[in-house]
Amino acid sequence: MNNWRFKEIVVLAALSVVFAVVYLAFLPVGAVLVGFFGPIGYDFIFGIWFIVSIIAAYIIRKPGAAFLSETIAAMVEVLIGNAVGPMLIVTGMIQGIGAEAVFAATKWKNYSTWVLMAAGMGSAITSFIYGYFMSGYAALATGYVLAMFIIRLISGALIAGLLGKALSDGLAKTGVLSSFALGKEYRRKNAA
């Protein structure tokens, strides 16, 4: 973080706090879906729990943004009342690693729609592997577990990747991100 500007750290922290609240707010939605569909219900919306890593990385475009934002969001979520407790911080780190790995594979230089979707899927993969062992997915039928995984991948791509991009682009259009990498890119595209 030596080459991070103070305002980038502040924005990363602010995004993390906002999405910690969003994450907590989506728990009852997930619970309703689980009531209707069983354990697979959460997977339909699981991408929402990866979205801050995509947004922070897309706006700031520096190594560590995806991992740190997801980790901080998990910490804040624990502090404001998630019943899972401190183990949620590990979950946040694992989700952040999945997205960060995709950005690292591009050397933090490619933030195209496809890369953002792949980053959401990266979080889906790492979180699913962790969940497989921690949440007892092995006790479920193989076909059901495969369906859970595929739905989580799609959710990561669409909710975290596409929705994260849309929200970030919307912010860039307002001008509030003019001094960030995304805001500068937005200005260059509109100047041409």
N, C-alpha and C. Protein backbone atom coordinates (compact mmCIF):
# COMPACT_ATOMS: atom_id res chain seq x y z
N MET A 1 0.83 -1.20 0.00
CA MET A 1 0.00 0.00 0.00
C MET A 1 0.86 1.26 0.00
N ASN A 2 2.15 1.11 -0.26
CA ASN A 2 3.03 2.27 -0.26
C ASN A 2 2.66 3.30 -1.32
N ASN A 3 2.14 2.84 -2.45
CA ASN A 3 1.81 3.78 -3.51
C ASN A 3 0.33 4.17 -3.53
N TRP A 4 -0.36 3.92 -2.46
CA TRP A 4 -1.76 4.31 -2.36
C TRP A 4 -1.84 5.75 -1.87
N ARG A 5 -2.77 6.51 -2.45
CA ARG A 5 -3.03 7.86 -1.97
C ARG A 5 -4.03 7.77 -0.81
N PHE A 6 -3.99 8.75 0.05
CA PHE A 6 -4.86 8.77 1.22
C PHE A 6 -6.33 8.67 0.82
N LYS A 7 -6.72 9.38 -0.22
CA LYS A 7 -8.13 9.35 -0.62
C LYS A 7 -8.55 7.98 -1.16
N GLU A 8 -7.61 7.23 -1.71
CA GLU A 8 -7.94 5.87 -2.15
C GLU A 8 -8.21 4.97 -0.94
N ILE A 9 -7.43 5.14 0.10
CA ILE A 9 -7.65 4.37 1.33
C ILE A 9 -8.99 4.74 1.95
N VAL A 10 -9.31 6.03 1.95
CA VAL A 10 -10.59 6.48 2.52
C VAL A 10 -11.76 5.93 1.72
N VAL A 11 -11.67 5.98 0.40
CA VAL A 11 -12.77 5.46 -0.44
C VAL A 11 -12.91 3.95 -0.27
N LEU A 12 -11.80 3.23 -0.22
CA LEU A 12 -11.85 1.79 0.01
C LEU A 12 -12.54 1.49 1.33
N ALA A 13 -12.17 2.22 2.37
CA ALA A 13 -12.78 2.01 3.69
C ALA A 13 -14.27 2.35 3.66
N ALA A 14 -14.62 3.45 3.02
CA ALA A 14 -16.02 3.86 2.96
C ALA A 14 -16.86 2.83 2.20
N LEU A 15 -16.35 2.37 1.07
CA LEU A 15 -17.06 1.33 0.32
C LEU A 15 -17.24 0.07 1.16
N SER A 16 -16.21 -0.29 1.89
CA SER A 16 -16.27 -1.48 2.73
C SER A 16 -17.34 -1.36 3.80
N VAL A 17 -17.44 -0.20 4.41
CA VAL A 17 -18.45 0.02 5.45
C VAL A 17 -19.86 -0.02 4.84
N VAL A 18 -20.04 0.66 3.73
CA VAL A 18 -21.36 0.68 3.07
C VAL A 18 -21.78 -0.74 2.71
N PHE A 19 -20.87 -1.50 2.12
CA PHE A 19 -21.26 -2.85 1.69
C PHE A 19 -21.35 -3.84 2.84
N ALA A 20 -20.71 -3.55 3.96
CA ALA A 20 -20.93 -4.38 5.15
C ALA A 20 -22.40 -4.30 5.57
N VAL A 21 -22.95 -3.10 5.49
CA VAL A 21 -24.37 -2.90 5.82
C VAL A 21 -25.24 -3.60 4.78
N VAL A 22 -24.88 -3.45 3.50
CA VAL A 22 -25.63 -4.12 2.43
C VAL A 22 -25.58 -5.64 2.64
N TYR A 23 -24.41 -6.16 2.95
CA TYR A 23 -24.27 -7.60 3.15
C TYR A 23 -25.17 -8.08 4.27
N LEU A 24 -25.17 -7.34 5.36
CA LEU A 24 -26.01 -7.72 6.50
C LEU A 24 -27.49 -7.64 6.13
N ALA A 25 -27.85 -6.64 5.34
CA ALA A 25 -29.24 -6.47 4.91
C ALA A 25 -29.71 -7.61 4.01
N PHE A 26 -28.79 -8.24 3.30
CA PHE A 26 -29.17 -9.31 2.38
C PHE A 26 -29.30 -10.67 3.06
N LEU A 27 -28.85 -10.78 4.29
CA LEU A 27 -28.99 -12.07 4.99
C LEU A 27 -30.44 -12.53 5.09
N PRO A 28 -31.40 -11.66 5.46
CA PRO A 28 -32.79 -12.12 5.50
C PRO A 28 -33.33 -12.51 4.12
N VAL A 29 -32.86 -11.83 3.08
CA VAL A 29 -33.28 -12.18 1.72
C VAL A 29 -32.81 -13.61 1.42
N GLY A 30 -31.55 -13.88 1.76
CA GLY A 30 -31.02 -15.23 1.57
C GLY A 30 -31.78 -16.26 2.37
N ALA A 31 -32.15 -15.89 3.59
CA ALA A 31 -32.90 -16.83 4.44
C ALA A 31 -34.25 -17.17 3.83
N VAL A 32 -34.90 -16.19 3.24
CA VAL A 32 -36.19 -16.44 2.57
C VAL A 32 -35.98 -17.38 1.38
N LEU A 33 -34.93 -17.12 0.61
CA LEU A 33 -34.65 -17.99 -0.55
C LEU A 33 -34.32 -19.42 -0.11
N VAL A 34 -33.59 -19.55 0.99
CA VAL A 34 -33.29 -20.89 1.52
C VAL A 34 -34.59 -21.57 1.96
N GLY A 35 -35.52 -20.80 2.51
CA GLY A 35 -36.81 -21.35 2.91
C GLY A 35 -37.58 -21.92 1.73
N PHE A 36 -37.46 -21.27 0.59
CA PHE A 36 -38.16 -21.73 -0.61
C PHE A 36 -37.41 -22.83 -1.36
N PHE A 37 -36.08 -22.70 -1.45
CA PHE A 37 -35.29 -23.57 -2.33
C PHE A 37 -34.31 -24.49 -1.62
N GLY A 38 -34.16 -24.37 -0.32
CA GLY A 38 -33.14 -25.14 0.39
C GLY A 38 -31.80 -24.42 0.32
N PRO A 39 -30.71 -25.12 0.65
CA PRO A 39 -29.39 -24.48 0.72
C PRO A 39 -28.98 -23.75 -0.56
N ILE A 40 -29.51 -24.17 -1.69
CA ILE A 40 -29.16 -23.53 -2.97
C ILE A 40 -29.71 -22.10 -3.05
N GLY A 41 -30.64 -21.76 -2.18
CA GLY A 41 -31.25 -20.44 -2.21
C GLY A 41 -30.26 -19.30 -2.08
N TYR A 42 -29.30 -19.45 -1.19
CA TYR A 42 -28.28 -18.40 -1.02
C TYR A 42 -27.47 -18.20 -2.28
N ASP A 43 -27.23 -19.26 -3.03
CA ASP A 43 -26.37 -19.16 -4.20
C ASP A 43 -26.94 -18.25 -5.28
N PHE A 44 -28.24 -18.10 -5.33
CA PHE A 44 -28.86 -17.21 -6.32
C PHE A 44 -28.42 -15.76 -6.12
N ILE A 45 -28.16 -15.39 -4.89
CA ILE A 45 -27.77 -14.00 -4.61
C ILE A 45 -26.37 -13.89 -4.02
N PHE A 46 -25.60 -14.95 -4.05
CA PHE A 46 -24.29 -14.95 -3.39
C PHE A 46 -23.37 -13.88 -3.96
N GLY A 47 -23.55 -13.52 -5.20
CA GLY A 47 -22.71 -12.50 -5.82
C GLY A 47 -22.75 -11.16 -5.10
N ILE A 48 -23.84 -10.88 -4.39
CA ILE A 48 -23.91 -9.61 -3.66
C ILE A 48 -22.81 -9.54 -2.62
N TRP A 49 -22.41 -10.68 -2.06
CA TRP A 49 -21.37 -10.69 -1.02
C TRP A 49 -19.96 -10.57 -1.58
N PHE A 50 -19.82 -10.49 -2.89
CA PHE A 50 -18.51 -10.29 -3.52
C PHE A 50 -18.38 -8.89 -4.11
N ILE A 51 -19.46 -8.14 -4.15
CA ILE A 51 -19.52 -6.94 -4.99
C ILE A 51 -18.53 -5.84 -4.59
N VAL A 52 -18.26 -5.67 -3.30
CA VAL A 52 -17.35 -4.59 -2.92
C VAL A 52 -15.95 -4.83 -3.46
N SER A 53 -15.53 -6.08 -3.56
CA SER A 53 -14.19 -6.35 -4.09
C SER A 53 -14.09 -5.93 -5.55
N ILE A 54 -15.15 -6.12 -6.30
CA ILE A 54 -15.16 -5.73 -7.71
C ILE A 54 -15.20 -4.21 -7.83
N ILE A 55 -16.09 -3.58 -7.08
CA ILE A 55 -16.23 -2.12 -7.14
C ILE A 55 -14.93 -1.42 -6.72
N ALA A 56 -14.37 -1.82 -5.59
CA ALA A 56 -13.14 -1.18 -5.10
C ALA A 56 -11.99 -1.35 -6.09
N ALA A 57 -11.82 -2.56 -6.61
CA ALA A 57 -10.73 -2.81 -7.56
C ALA A 57 -10.95 -2.03 -8.85
N TYR A 58 -12.17 -1.97 -9.33
CA TYR A 58 -12.48 -1.27 -10.58
C TYR A 58 -12.27 0.23 -10.44
N ILE A 59 -12.59 0.79 -9.30
CA ILE A 59 -12.42 2.23 -9.07
C ILE A 59 -10.96 2.58 -8.80
N ILE A 60 -10.30 1.84 -7.91
CA ILE A 60 -8.97 2.20 -7.43
C ILE A 60 -7.86 1.64 -8.32
N ARG A 61 -8.02 0.43 -8.79
CA ARG A 61 -7.09 -0.22 -9.72
C ARG A 61 -5.67 -0.34 -9.19
N LYS A 62 -5.59 -0.83 -7.98
CA LYS A 62 -4.28 -1.07 -7.37
C LYS A 62 -4.28 -2.43 -6.71
N PRO A 63 -3.09 -3.07 -6.65
CA PRO A 63 -3.01 -4.37 -5.99
C PRO A 63 -3.52 -4.31 -4.55
N GLY A 64 -4.33 -5.29 -4.20
CA GLY A 64 -4.85 -5.40 -2.85
C GLY A 64 -6.23 -4.81 -2.64
N ALA A 65 -6.74 -4.02 -3.58
CA ALA A 65 -8.03 -3.36 -3.39
C ALA A 65 -9.16 -4.37 -3.21
N ALA A 66 -9.18 -5.40 -4.01
CA ALA A 66 -10.26 -6.39 -3.91
C ALA A 66 -10.17 -7.13 -2.57
N PHE A 67 -9.00 -7.60 -2.24
CA PHE A 67 -8.81 -8.36 -0.99
C PHE A 67 -9.10 -7.49 0.23
N LEU A 68 -8.53 -6.31 0.28
CA LEU A 68 -8.70 -5.45 1.46
C LEU A 68 -10.15 -5.01 1.64
N SER A 69 -10.81 -4.65 0.56
CA SER A 69 -12.20 -4.17 0.69
C SER A 69 -13.11 -5.27 1.22
N GLU A 70 -12.92 -6.47 0.74
CA GLU A 70 -13.76 -7.59 1.19
C GLU A 70 -13.45 -7.95 2.64
N THR A 71 -12.19 -7.89 3.01
CA THR A 71 -11.78 -8.19 4.38
C THR A 71 -12.32 -7.14 5.35
N ILE A 72 -12.18 -5.88 5.00
CA ILE A 72 -12.69 -4.81 5.86
C ILE A 72 -14.21 -4.88 5.97
N ALA A 73 -14.88 -5.14 4.87
CA ALA A 73 -16.34 -5.27 4.90
C ALA A 73 -16.75 -6.38 5.86
N ALA A 74 -16.04 -7.49 5.83
CA ALA A 74 -16.35 -8.61 6.74
C ALA A 74 -16.13 -8.20 8.20
N MET A 75 -15.04 -7.47 8.45
CA MET A 75 -14.78 -7.01 9.82
C MET A 75 -15.89 -6.10 10.32
N VAL A 76 -16.29 -5.18 9.48
CA VAL A 76 -17.36 -4.25 9.87
C VAL A 76 -18.67 -4.99 10.06
N GLU A 77 -18.94 -5.94 9.18
CA GLU A 77 -20.16 -6.73 9.31
C GLU A 77 -20.21 -7.47 10.64
N VAL A 78 -19.09 -7.99 11.08
CA VAL A 78 -19.02 -8.65 12.38
C VAL A 78 -19.31 -7.62 13.48
N LEU A 79 -18.71 -6.46 13.38
CA LEU A 79 -18.89 -5.42 14.41
C LEU A 79 -20.33 -4.92 14.51
N ILE A 80 -21.04 -4.92 13.39
CA ILE A 80 -22.43 -4.41 13.44
C ILE A 80 -23.46 -5.50 13.65
N GLY A 81 -23.00 -6.74 13.83
CA GLY A 81 -23.96 -7.72 14.28
C GLY A 81 -24.17 -9.00 13.51
N ASN A 82 -23.30 -9.37 12.60
CA ASN A 82 -23.48 -10.65 11.94
C ASN A 82 -23.26 -11.77 12.96
N ALA A 83 -24.20 -12.69 12.99
CA ALA A 83 -24.19 -13.75 14.00
C ALA A 83 -23.07 -14.77 13.81
N VAL A 84 -22.47 -14.81 12.63
CA VAL A 84 -21.40 -15.77 12.37
C VAL A 84 -20.19 -15.47 13.26
N GLY A 85 -19.98 -14.21 13.54
CA GLY A 85 -18.86 -13.81 14.39
C GLY A 85 -17.55 -13.72 13.63
N PRO A 86 -16.44 -13.78 14.34
CA PRO A 86 -15.12 -13.56 13.73
C PRO A 86 -14.77 -14.49 12.57
N MET A 87 -15.37 -15.66 12.49
CA MET A 87 -15.08 -16.55 11.35
C MET A 87 -15.50 -15.91 10.03
N LEU A 88 -16.40 -14.93 10.11
CA LEU A 88 -16.82 -14.23 8.90
C LEU A 88 -15.65 -13.46 8.29
N ILE A 89 -14.72 -13.02 9.11
CA ILE A 89 -13.55 -12.30 8.59
C ILE A 89 -12.74 -13.22 7.69
N VAL A 90 -12.59 -14.47 8.08
CA VAL A 90 -11.90 -15.45 7.24
C VAL A 90 -12.65 -15.62 5.92
N THR A 91 -13.96 -15.69 6.00
CA THR A 91 -14.78 -15.82 4.79
C THR A 91 -14.56 -14.63 3.87
N GLY A 92 -14.55 -13.43 4.43
CA GLY A 92 -14.31 -12.23 3.63
C GLY A 92 -12.95 -12.26 2.96
N MET A 93 -11.95 -12.71 3.70
CA MET A 93 -10.61 -12.81 3.12
C MET A 93 -10.58 -13.81 1.96
N ILE A 94 -11.25 -14.91 2.14
CA ILE A 94 -11.28 -15.94 1.09
C ILE A 94 -12.01 -15.42 -0.15
N GLN A 95 -13.10 -14.71 0.05
CA GLN A 95 -13.81 -14.12 -1.09
C GLN A 95 -12.94 -13.08 -1.79
N GLY A 96 -12.25 -12.26 -1.00
CA GLY A 96 -11.38 -11.24 -1.57
C GLY A 96 -10.22 -11.82 -2.35
N ILE A 97 -9.67 -12.94 -1.86
CA ILE A 97 -8.57 -13.61 -2.56
C ILE A 97 -9.01 -14.07 -3.95
N GLY A 98 -10.24 -14.57 -4.05
CA GLY A 98 -10.74 -15.05 -5.35
C GLY A 98 -10.78 -13.95 -6.39
N ALA A 99 -11.28 -12.79 -6.01
CA ALA A 99 -11.33 -11.65 -6.95
C ALA A 99 -9.92 -11.12 -7.21
N GLU A 100 -9.15 -10.98 -6.16
CA GLU A 100 -7.79 -10.42 -6.29
C GLU A 100 -6.94 -11.27 -7.22
N ALA A 101 -7.10 -12.58 -7.17
CA ALA A 101 -6.32 -13.48 -8.03
C ALA A 101 -6.58 -13.20 -9.51
N VAL A 102 -7.82 -12.90 -9.85
CA VAL A 102 -8.15 -12.60 -11.25
C VAL A 102 -7.48 -11.29 -11.68
N PHE A 103 -7.58 -10.26 -10.83
CA PHE A 103 -6.93 -9.00 -11.17
C PHE A 103 -5.42 -9.16 -11.23
N ALA A 104 -4.86 -9.98 -10.34
CA ALA A 104 -3.41 -10.24 -10.35
C ALA A 104 -2.99 -10.93 -11.64
N ALA A 105 -3.84 -11.81 -12.16
CA ALA A 105 -3.53 -12.52 -13.40
C ALA A 105 -3.39 -11.54 -14.57
N THR A 106 -4.03 -10.38 -14.47
CA THR A 106 -3.91 -9.35 -15.52
C THR A 106 -2.86 -8.31 -15.14
N LYS A 107 -2.15 -8.55 -14.04
CA LYS A 107 -1.18 -7.60 -13.48
C LYS A 107 -1.84 -6.27 -13.15
N TRP A 108 -3.11 -6.34 -12.76
CA TRP A 108 -3.91 -5.18 -12.37
C TRP A 108 -3.98 -4.13 -13.49
N LYS A 109 -4.03 -4.61 -14.73
CA LYS A 109 -4.05 -3.70 -15.88
C LYS A 109 -5.32 -3.80 -16.71
N ASN A 110 -6.09 -4.87 -16.53
CA ASN A 110 -7.28 -5.06 -17.36
C ASN A 110 -8.52 -5.06 -16.46
N TYR A 111 -9.41 -4.11 -16.71
CA TYR A 111 -10.64 -3.99 -15.93
C TYR A 111 -11.85 -4.00 -16.87
N SER A 112 -11.74 -4.81 -17.90
CA SER A 112 -12.84 -4.95 -18.85
C SER A 112 -14.02 -5.65 -18.17
N THR A 113 -15.15 -5.60 -18.81
CA THR A 113 -16.35 -6.25 -18.29
C THR A 113 -16.08 -7.73 -18.03
N TRP A 114 -15.39 -8.38 -18.96
CA TRP A 114 -15.14 -9.82 -18.82
C TRP A 114 -14.24 -10.11 -17.62
N VAL A 115 -13.27 -9.26 -17.38
CA VAL A 115 -12.38 -9.46 -16.23
C VAL A 115 -13.15 -9.24 -14.93
N LEU A 116 -14.01 -8.23 -14.90
CA LEU A 116 -14.83 -7.99 -13.70
C LEU A 116 -15.75 -9.17 -13.43
N MET A 117 -16.34 -9.72 -14.48
CA MET A 117 -17.19 -10.90 -14.31
C MET A 117 -16.36 -12.10 -13.84
N ALA A 118 -15.16 -12.25 -14.41
CA ALA A 118 -14.28 -13.35 -13.99
C ALA A 118 -13.86 -13.18 -12.53
N ALA A 119 -13.65 -11.94 -12.10
CA ALA A 119 -13.29 -11.69 -10.69
C ALA A 119 -14.44 -12.10 -9.77
N GLY A 120 -15.68 -11.80 -10.18
CA GLY A 120 -16.83 -12.25 -9.40
C GLY A 120 -16.89 -13.77 -9.35
N MET A 121 -16.54 -14.40 -10.45
CA MET A 121 -16.51 -15.87 -10.48
C MET A 121 -15.34 -16.41 -9.66
N GLY A 122 -14.23 -15.67 -9.62
CA GLY A 122 -13.10 -16.07 -8.79
C GLY A 122 -13.50 -16.11 -7.32
N SER A 123 -14.24 -15.09 -6.90
CA SER A 123 -14.75 -15.09 -5.52
C SER A 123 -15.71 -16.25 -5.30
N ALA A 124 -16.52 -16.54 -6.30
CA ALA A 124 -17.47 -17.65 -6.19
C ALA A 124 -16.72 -18.97 -6.00
N ILE A 125 -15.64 -19.15 -6.73
CA ILE A 125 -14.88 -20.39 -6.65
C ILE A 125 -14.24 -20.55 -5.27
N THR A 126 -13.52 -19.51 -4.82
CA THR A 126 -12.84 -19.64 -3.53
C THR A 126 -13.84 -19.77 -2.39
N SER A 127 -14.94 -19.03 -2.46
CA SER A 127 -15.94 -19.13 -1.38
C SER A 127 -16.64 -20.48 -1.40
N PHE A 128 -16.83 -21.04 -2.58
CA PHE A 128 -17.50 -22.33 -2.66
C PHE A 128 -16.60 -23.43 -2.11
N ILE A 129 -15.33 -23.40 -2.44
CA ILE A 129 -14.40 -24.40 -1.90
C ILE A 129 -14.38 -24.32 -0.38
N TYR A 130 -14.29 -23.12 0.14
CA TYR A 130 -14.30 -22.93 1.59
C TYR A 130 -15.62 -23.42 2.18
N GLY A 131 -16.73 -23.03 1.57
CA GLY A 131 -18.05 -23.43 2.04
C GLY A 131 -18.26 -24.94 1.96
N TYR A 132 -17.67 -25.57 0.97
CA TYR A 132 -17.81 -27.01 0.82
C TYR A 132 -17.33 -27.73 2.08
N PHE A 133 -16.21 -27.27 2.59
CA PHE A 133 -15.65 -27.91 3.78
C PHE A 133 -16.25 -27.38 5.08
N MET A 134 -16.55 -26.10 5.14
CA MET A 134 -17.03 -25.50 6.39
C MET A 134 -18.53 -25.65 6.60
N SER A 135 -19.28 -25.77 5.50
CA SER A 135 -20.75 -25.81 5.62
C SER A 135 -21.34 -27.18 5.36
N GLY A 136 -20.51 -28.16 5.15
CA GLY A 136 -21.00 -29.52 5.02
C GLY A 136 -21.68 -29.85 3.70
N TYR A 137 -21.26 -29.21 2.62
CA TYR A 137 -21.85 -29.50 1.31
C TYR A 137 -21.63 -30.96 0.91
N ALA A 138 -20.60 -31.58 1.44
CA ALA A 138 -20.29 -32.97 1.10
C ALA A 138 -21.44 -33.92 1.46
N ALA A 139 -22.28 -33.51 2.40
CA ALA A 139 -23.41 -34.35 2.81
C ALA A 139 -24.56 -34.28 1.80
N LEU A 140 -24.48 -33.33 0.88
CA LEU A 140 -25.55 -33.16 -0.12
C LEU A 140 -25.25 -34.00 -1.36
N ALA A 141 -26.28 -34.25 -2.14
CA ALA A 141 -26.12 -35.01 -3.38
C ALA A 141 -25.18 -34.27 -4.33
N THR A 142 -24.37 -35.02 -5.05
CA THR A 142 -23.37 -34.44 -5.95
C THR A 142 -24.01 -33.50 -6.99
N GLY A 143 -25.11 -33.91 -7.56
CA GLY A 143 -25.79 -33.07 -8.55
C GLY A 143 -26.27 -31.76 -7.96
N TYR A 144 -26.75 -31.83 -6.74
CA TYR A 144 -27.22 -30.63 -6.04
C TYR A 144 -26.06 -29.68 -5.76
N VAL A 145 -24.92 -30.25 -5.32
CA VAL A 145 -23.73 -29.44 -5.04
C VAL A 145 -23.23 -28.80 -6.33
N LEU A 146 -23.25 -29.53 -7.42
CA LEU A 146 -22.83 -28.99 -8.71
C LEU A 146 -23.75 -27.84 -9.13
N ALA A 147 -25.04 -28.01 -8.93
CA ALA A 147 -25.99 -26.94 -9.25
C ALA A 147 -25.72 -25.71 -8.39
N MET A 148 -25.43 -25.92 -7.11
CA MET A 148 -25.09 -24.80 -6.22
C MET A 148 -23.88 -24.05 -6.76
N PHE A 149 -22.87 -24.79 -7.17
CA PHE A 149 -21.64 -24.18 -7.67
C PHE A 149 -21.89 -23.38 -8.94
N ILE A 150 -22.62 -23.95 -9.87
CA ILE A 150 -22.90 -23.26 -11.14
C ILE A 150 -23.72 -21.99 -10.89
N ILE A 151 -24.72 -22.09 -10.04
CA ILE A 151 -25.54 -20.91 -9.74
C ILE A 151 -24.70 -19.84 -9.04
N ARG A 152 -23.80 -20.25 -8.15
CA ARG A 152 -22.94 -19.27 -7.48
C ARG A 152 -22.00 -18.61 -8.48
N LEU A 153 -21.47 -19.37 -9.42
CA LEU A 153 -20.61 -18.79 -10.47
C LEU A 153 -21.37 -17.73 -11.27
N ILE A 154 -22.58 -18.07 -11.67
CA ILE A 154 -23.40 -17.14 -12.45
C ILE A 154 -23.71 -15.90 -11.61
N SER A 155 -24.06 -16.10 -10.35
CA SER A 155 -24.35 -14.99 -9.45
C SER A 155 -23.13 -14.09 -9.29
N GLY A 156 -21.96 -14.70 -9.14
CA GLY A 156 -20.73 -13.92 -9.03
C GLY A 156 -20.48 -13.08 -10.27
N ALA A 157 -20.68 -13.68 -11.44
CA ALA A 157 -20.45 -12.96 -12.69
C ALA A 157 -21.45 -11.83 -12.88
N LEU A 158 -22.74 -12.13 -12.62
CA LEU A 158 -23.78 -11.14 -12.90
C LEU A 158 -23.94 -10.10 -11.80
N ILE A 159 -24.05 -10.54 -10.56
CA ILE A 159 -24.31 -9.59 -9.48
C ILE A 159 -23.03 -8.84 -9.12
N ALA A 160 -21.95 -9.58 -8.84
CA ALA A 160 -20.71 -8.90 -8.46
C ALA A 160 -20.07 -8.21 -9.67
N GLY A 161 -19.92 -8.95 -10.77
CA GLY A 161 -19.24 -8.41 -11.94
C GLY A 161 -20.01 -7.33 -12.68
N LEU A 162 -21.17 -7.69 -13.21
CA LEU A 162 -21.93 -6.73 -14.01
C LEU A 162 -22.58 -5.63 -13.19
N LEU A 163 -23.22 -6.00 -12.09
CA LEU A 163 -23.85 -4.97 -11.25
C LEU A 163 -22.78 -4.08 -10.61
N GLY A 164 -21.67 -4.68 -10.18
CA GLY A 164 -20.57 -3.88 -9.62
C GLY A 164 -20.04 -2.88 -10.63
N LYS A 165 -19.90 -3.31 -11.88
CA LYS A 165 -19.45 -2.41 -12.96
C LYS A 165 -20.47 -1.31 -13.19
N ALA A 166 -21.74 -1.68 -13.24
CA ALA A 166 -22.79 -0.68 -13.50
C ALA A 166 -22.84 0.37 -12.39
N LEU A 167 -22.74 -0.06 -11.14
CA LEU A 167 -22.75 0.89 -10.02
C LEU A 167 -21.54 1.81 -10.08
N SER A 168 -20.38 1.25 -10.36
CA SER A 168 -19.15 2.05 -10.45
C SER A 168 -19.21 3.03 -11.62
N ASP A 169 -19.67 2.56 -12.76
CA ASP A 169 -19.80 3.45 -13.92
C ASP A 169 -20.79 4.57 -13.64
N GLY A 170 -21.86 4.25 -12.93
CA GLY A 170 -22.82 5.28 -12.54
C GLY A 170 -22.19 6.34 -11.66
N LEU A 171 -21.36 5.91 -10.72
CA LEU A 171 -20.63 6.87 -9.88
C LEU A 171 -19.67 7.71 -10.72
N ALA A 172 -18.98 7.07 -11.65
CA ALA A 172 -18.03 7.80 -12.50
C ALA A 172 -18.74 8.88 -13.32
N LYS A 173 -19.94 8.60 -13.78
CA LYS A 173 -20.69 9.57 -14.58
C LYS A 173 -21.03 10.83 -13.79
N THR A 174 -21.15 10.70 -12.48
CA THR A 174 -21.47 11.87 -11.66
C THR A 174 -20.28 12.80 -11.49
N GLY A 175 -19.07 12.30 -11.72
CA GLY A 175 -17.87 13.10 -11.56
C GLY A 175 -17.19 12.92 -10.21
N VAL A 176 -17.82 12.20 -9.27
CA VAL A 176 -17.22 12.05 -7.94
C VAL A 176 -15.94 11.22 -7.95
N LEU A 177 -15.71 10.49 -9.02
CA LEU A 177 -14.50 9.66 -9.11
C LEU A 177 -13.47 10.27 -10.05
N SER A 178 -13.57 11.55 -10.31
CA SER A 178 -12.71 12.19 -11.33
C SER A 178 -11.22 12.06 -11.04
N SER A 179 -10.82 11.92 -9.80
CA SER A 179 -9.39 11.80 -9.48
C SER A 179 -8.95 10.34 -9.31
N PHE A 180 -9.85 9.40 -9.58
CA PHE A 180 -9.53 7.98 -9.49
C PHE A 180 -9.33 7.42 -10.89
N ALA A 181 -8.71 6.25 -10.97
CA ALA A 181 -8.42 5.64 -12.26
C ALA A 181 -9.68 5.48 -13.12
N LEU A 182 -10.76 5.03 -12.52
CA LEU A 182 -12.00 4.86 -13.29
C LEU A 182 -12.54 6.19 -13.78
N GLY A 183 -12.51 7.21 -12.94
CA GLY A 183 -12.98 8.54 -13.34
C GLY A 183 -12.16 9.12 -14.47
N LYS A 184 -10.86 8.93 -14.40
CA LYS A 184 -9.97 9.43 -15.47
C LYS A 184 -10.24 8.70 -16.78
N GLU A 185 -10.45 7.38 -16.68
CA GLU A 185 -10.78 6.60 -17.87
C GLU A 185 -12.10 7.08 -18.47
N TYR A 186 -13.08 7.35 -17.62
CA TYR A 186 -14.38 7.81 -18.08
C TYR A 186 -14.24 9.17 -18.80
N ARG A 187 -13.43 10.07 -18.26
CA ARG A 187 -13.21 11.38 -18.89
C ARG A 187 -12.54 11.23 -20.24
N ARG A 188 -11.53 10.33 -20.33
CA ARG A 188 -10.83 10.12 -21.61
C ARG A 188 -11.79 9.60 -22.67
N LYS A 189 -12.66 8.66 -22.30
CA LYS A 189 -13.61 8.10 -23.27
C LYS A 189 -14.59 9.16 -23.77
N ASN A 190 -15.03 10.03 -22.86
CA ASN A 190 -16.01 11.05 -23.24
C ASN A 190 -15.38 12.23 -23.96
N ALA A 191 -14.08 12.42 -23.80
CA ALA A 191 -13.38 13.51 -24.49
C ALA A 191 -13.13 13.15 -25.94
N ALA A 192 -13.05 11.88 -26.23
CA ALA A 192 -12.73 11.43 -27.60
C ALA A 192 -13.91 11.54 -28.54
